[in-house]
Amino acid sequence: MGTGNGGINVIIPWWQMKTTWTAVAAFITAIGAYVEGSLGLTGVISAGFGALAVIFVRQGVEKSTYIPEVKDRGDGVIE
């Protein structure tokens, strides 16, 4: 018995998420700004931690909202 939602309750791998690639792009931009000279090393480090925080928070939100099917949870009657 499915939820009929077209696969919404599917966990997407972290490397396929738009949020991950946006965070990576932000970090690469910070590195480019450092190389160019308009951003200091502390700014690059802050951007790196910020990017990692975004990725891990996004993973936590996805896992907390994922609801597996009853047959996958193991708390239902097995037929």
N, C-alpha and C. Protein backbone atom coordinates (compact mmCIF):
# COMPACT_ATOMS: atom_id res chain seq x y z
N MET A 1 0.84 -1.16 0.00
CA MET A 1 0.00 0.00 0.00
C MET A 1 0.89 1.23 0.00
N GLY A 2 0.89 1.97 -1.07
CA GLY A 2 1.73 3.15 -1.18
C GLY A 2 1.00 4.42 -0.77
N THR A 3 1.75 5.48 -0.70
CA THR A 3 1.16 6.75 -0.32
C THR A 3 0.51 7.44 -1.51
N GLY A 4 0.85 7.01 -2.72
CA GLY A 4 0.26 7.60 -3.91
C GLY A 4 0.76 9.00 -4.21
N ASN A 5 1.92 9.34 -3.69
CA ASN A 5 2.44 10.69 -3.87
C ASN A 5 3.53 10.77 -4.94
N GLY A 6 3.70 9.73 -5.70
CA GLY A 6 4.66 9.76 -6.80
C GLY A 6 6.11 9.75 -6.36
N GLY A 7 6.41 9.14 -5.24
CA GLY A 7 7.80 9.00 -4.80
C GLY A 7 8.33 10.19 -4.02
N ILE A 8 7.47 10.96 -3.38
CA ILE A 8 7.95 12.10 -2.60
C ILE A 8 8.74 11.62 -1.38
N ASN A 9 8.37 10.52 -0.80
CA ASN A 9 9.06 10.01 0.38
C ASN A 9 10.27 9.16 0.00
N VAL A 10 11.10 9.70 -0.87
CA VAL A 10 12.32 9.03 -1.27
C VAL A 10 13.48 9.91 -0.84
N ILE A 11 14.45 9.33 -0.17
CA ILE A 11 15.61 10.11 0.26
C ILE A 11 16.54 10.29 -0.95
N ILE A 12 16.84 11.53 -1.25
CA ILE A 12 17.72 11.87 -2.36
C ILE A 12 19.16 11.86 -1.84
N PRO A 13 20.09 11.24 -2.55
CA PRO A 13 21.49 11.27 -2.11
C PRO A 13 22.01 12.71 -2.02
N TRP A 14 22.91 12.96 -1.10
CA TRP A 14 23.37 14.33 -0.84
C TRP A 14 24.03 14.95 -2.06
N TRP A 15 24.70 14.17 -2.89
CA TRP A 15 25.39 14.74 -4.04
C TRP A 15 24.44 15.10 -5.18
N GLN A 16 23.16 14.75 -5.09
CA GLN A 16 22.19 15.08 -6.12
C GLN A 16 21.27 16.22 -5.71
N MET A 17 21.49 16.81 -4.54
CA MET A 17 20.63 17.89 -4.07
C MET A 17 21.09 19.24 -4.57
N LYS A 18 20.14 20.09 -4.90
CA LYS A 18 20.46 21.45 -5.33
C LYS A 18 21.10 22.24 -4.20
N THR A 19 20.69 21.97 -2.98
CA THR A 19 21.24 22.68 -1.83
C THR A 19 22.73 22.42 -1.69
N THR A 20 23.14 21.18 -1.91
CA THR A 20 24.55 20.82 -1.81
C THR A 20 25.36 21.58 -2.84
N TRP A 21 24.89 21.59 -4.07
CA TRP A 21 25.65 22.25 -5.13
C TRP A 21 25.65 23.77 -4.96
N THR A 22 24.61 24.32 -4.38
CA THR A 22 24.60 25.75 -4.08
C THR A 22 25.64 26.08 -3.01
N ALA A 23 25.74 25.24 -1.99
CA ALA A 23 26.74 25.45 -0.94
C ALA A 23 28.15 25.29 -1.49
N VAL A 24 28.37 24.32 -2.35
CA VAL A 24 29.68 24.14 -2.98
C VAL A 24 30.03 25.36 -3.83
N ALA A 25 29.06 25.86 -4.59
CA ALA A 25 29.30 27.05 -5.42
C ALA A 25 29.63 28.26 -4.55
N ALA A 26 28.96 28.40 -3.42
CA ALA A 26 29.25 29.52 -2.52
C ALA A 26 30.66 29.43 -1.96
N PHE A 27 31.10 28.23 -1.62
CA PHE A 27 32.46 28.05 -1.11
C PHE A 27 33.50 28.32 -2.20
N ILE A 28 33.24 27.86 -3.40
CA ILE A 28 34.16 28.12 -4.51
C ILE A 28 34.23 29.61 -4.80
N THR A 29 33.11 30.30 -4.70
CA THR A 29 33.10 31.75 -4.89
C THR A 29 33.94 32.44 -3.81
N ALA A 30 33.84 31.95 -2.57
CA ALA A 30 34.65 32.51 -1.49
C ALA A 30 36.13 32.29 -1.74
N ILE A 31 36.49 31.12 -2.24
CA ILE A 31 37.89 30.85 -2.57
C ILE A 31 38.36 31.78 -3.68
N GLY A 32 37.51 31.97 -4.69
CA GLY A 32 37.85 32.89 -5.77
C GLY A 32 38.04 34.31 -5.27
N ALA A 33 37.19 34.74 -4.34
CA ALA A 33 37.33 36.08 -3.77
C ALA A 33 38.62 36.20 -2.96
N TYR A 34 39.01 35.12 -2.29
CA TYR A 34 40.27 35.13 -1.54
C TYR A 34 41.46 35.24 -2.49
N VAL A 35 41.43 34.47 -3.55
CA VAL A 35 42.52 34.51 -4.53
C VAL A 35 42.60 35.89 -5.17
N GLU A 36 41.45 36.49 -5.43
CA GLU A 36 41.39 37.81 -6.04
C GLU A 36 41.82 38.91 -5.06
N GLY A 37 41.68 38.66 -3.78
CA GLY A 37 42.14 39.59 -2.76
C GLY A 37 41.06 40.39 -2.09
N SER A 38 39.82 40.17 -2.42
CA SER A 38 38.75 40.96 -1.81
C SER A 38 38.13 40.29 -0.58
N LEU A 39 38.62 39.12 -0.20
CA LEU A 39 38.13 38.42 0.98
C LEU A 39 39.31 37.83 1.73
N GLY A 40 39.28 37.96 3.05
CA GLY A 40 40.35 37.44 3.87
C GLY A 40 40.19 35.95 4.14
N LEU A 41 41.21 35.38 4.75
CA LEU A 41 41.20 33.95 5.05
C LEU A 41 40.10 33.59 6.03
N THR A 42 39.83 34.47 7.00
CA THR A 42 38.76 34.17 7.95
C THR A 42 37.40 34.14 7.25
N GLY A 43 37.22 34.95 6.23
CA GLY A 43 35.98 34.92 5.46
C GLY A 43 35.82 33.62 4.70
N VAL A 44 36.91 33.10 4.17
CA VAL A 44 36.87 31.82 3.45
C VAL A 44 36.55 30.69 4.41
N ILE A 45 37.16 30.72 5.58
CA ILE A 45 36.90 29.68 6.58
C ILE A 45 35.44 29.76 7.05
N SER A 46 34.95 30.96 7.26
CA SER A 46 33.54 31.12 7.66
C SER A 46 32.60 30.62 6.58
N ALA A 47 32.92 30.91 5.32
CA ALA A 47 32.09 30.44 4.22
C ALA A 47 32.12 28.92 4.13
N GLY A 48 33.26 28.33 4.41
CA GLY A 48 33.37 26.87 4.39
C GLY A 48 32.52 26.23 5.47
N PHE A 49 32.58 26.77 6.68
CA PHE A 49 31.74 26.23 7.76
C PHE A 49 30.26 26.48 7.48
N GLY A 50 29.96 27.63 6.91
CA GLY A 50 28.57 27.92 6.55
C GLY A 50 28.04 26.95 5.51
N ALA A 51 28.87 26.65 4.51
CA ALA A 51 28.46 25.71 3.47
C ALA A 51 28.24 24.32 4.05
N LEU A 52 29.14 23.88 4.92
CA LEU A 52 28.97 22.57 5.55
C LEU A 52 27.73 22.53 6.43
N ALA A 53 27.47 23.62 7.13
CA ALA A 53 26.28 23.67 7.98
C ALA A 53 25.01 23.55 7.14
N VAL A 54 24.98 24.24 6.01
CA VAL A 54 23.80 24.17 5.13
C VAL A 54 23.59 22.74 4.65
N ILE A 55 24.66 22.08 4.26
CA ILE A 55 24.54 20.71 3.74
C ILE A 55 24.04 19.77 4.84
N PHE A 56 24.61 19.84 6.04
CA PHE A 56 24.21 18.93 7.11
C PHE A 56 22.82 19.23 7.65
N VAL A 57 22.45 20.50 7.72
CA VAL A 57 21.10 20.84 8.16
C VAL A 57 20.09 20.32 7.15
N ARG A 58 20.38 20.47 5.88
CA ARG A 58 19.47 19.99 4.83
C ARG A 58 19.30 18.48 4.93
N GLN A 59 20.38 17.76 5.18
CA GLN A 59 20.29 16.31 5.35
C GLN A 59 19.43 15.96 6.56
N GLY A 60 19.60 16.69 7.66
CA GLY A 60 18.81 16.42 8.86
C GLY A 60 17.33 16.69 8.64
N VAL A 61 17.01 17.76 7.94
CA VAL A 61 15.61 18.07 7.66
C VAL A 61 14.99 16.99 6.79
N GLU A 62 15.73 16.54 5.79
CA GLU A 62 15.18 15.51 4.91
C GLU A 62 14.94 14.21 5.66
N LYS A 63 15.88 13.82 6.50
CA LYS A 63 15.71 12.57 7.23
C LYS A 63 14.61 12.66 8.27
N SER A 64 14.37 13.85 8.82
CA SER A 64 13.33 13.98 9.83
C SER A 64 11.93 14.03 9.22
N THR A 65 11.83 14.37 7.94
CA THR A 65 10.52 14.44 7.30
C THR A 65 10.22 13.21 6.46
N TYR A 66 11.16 12.29 6.35
CA TYR A 66 10.98 11.07 5.57
C TYR A 66 10.11 10.10 6.35
N ILE A 67 9.05 9.64 5.72
CA ILE A 67 8.15 8.67 6.35
C ILE A 67 8.13 7.41 5.48
N PRO A 68 8.81 6.35 5.92
CA PRO A 68 8.84 5.14 5.11
C PRO A 68 7.49 4.43 5.12
N GLU A 69 7.31 3.56 4.17
CA GLU A 69 6.10 2.76 4.11
C GLU A 69 6.02 1.85 5.34
N VAL A 70 4.84 1.43 5.71
CA VAL A 70 4.65 0.59 6.89
C VAL A 70 5.46 -0.70 6.78
N LYS A 71 5.52 -1.28 5.60
CA LYS A 71 6.26 -2.54 5.43
C LYS A 71 7.76 -2.34 5.65
N ASP A 72 8.25 -1.12 5.44
CA ASP A 72 9.67 -0.85 5.63
C ASP A 72 10.02 -0.48 7.05
N ARG A 73 9.04 -0.07 7.85
CA ARG A 73 9.27 0.35 9.23
C ARG A 73 9.35 -0.84 10.18
N GLY A 74 8.65 -1.90 9.87
CA GLY A 74 8.68 -3.06 10.74
C GLY A 74 7.72 -2.97 11.92
N ASP A 75 6.81 -1.99 11.89
CA ASP A 75 5.88 -1.87 13.02
C ASP A 75 4.43 -2.15 12.60
N GLY A 76 4.28 -2.89 11.57
CA GLY A 76 2.94 -3.21 11.11
C GLY A 76 2.73 -4.72 11.05
N VAL A 77 1.56 -5.13 10.67
CA VAL A 77 1.25 -6.55 10.53
C VAL A 77 1.82 -7.02 9.21
N ILE A 78 2.64 -8.03 9.24
CA ILE A 78 3.24 -8.57 8.02
C ILE A 78 2.32 -9.64 7.49
N GLU A 79 1.94 -9.48 6.26
CA GLU A 79 1.02 -10.43 5.64
C GLU A 79 1.75 -11.43 4.80
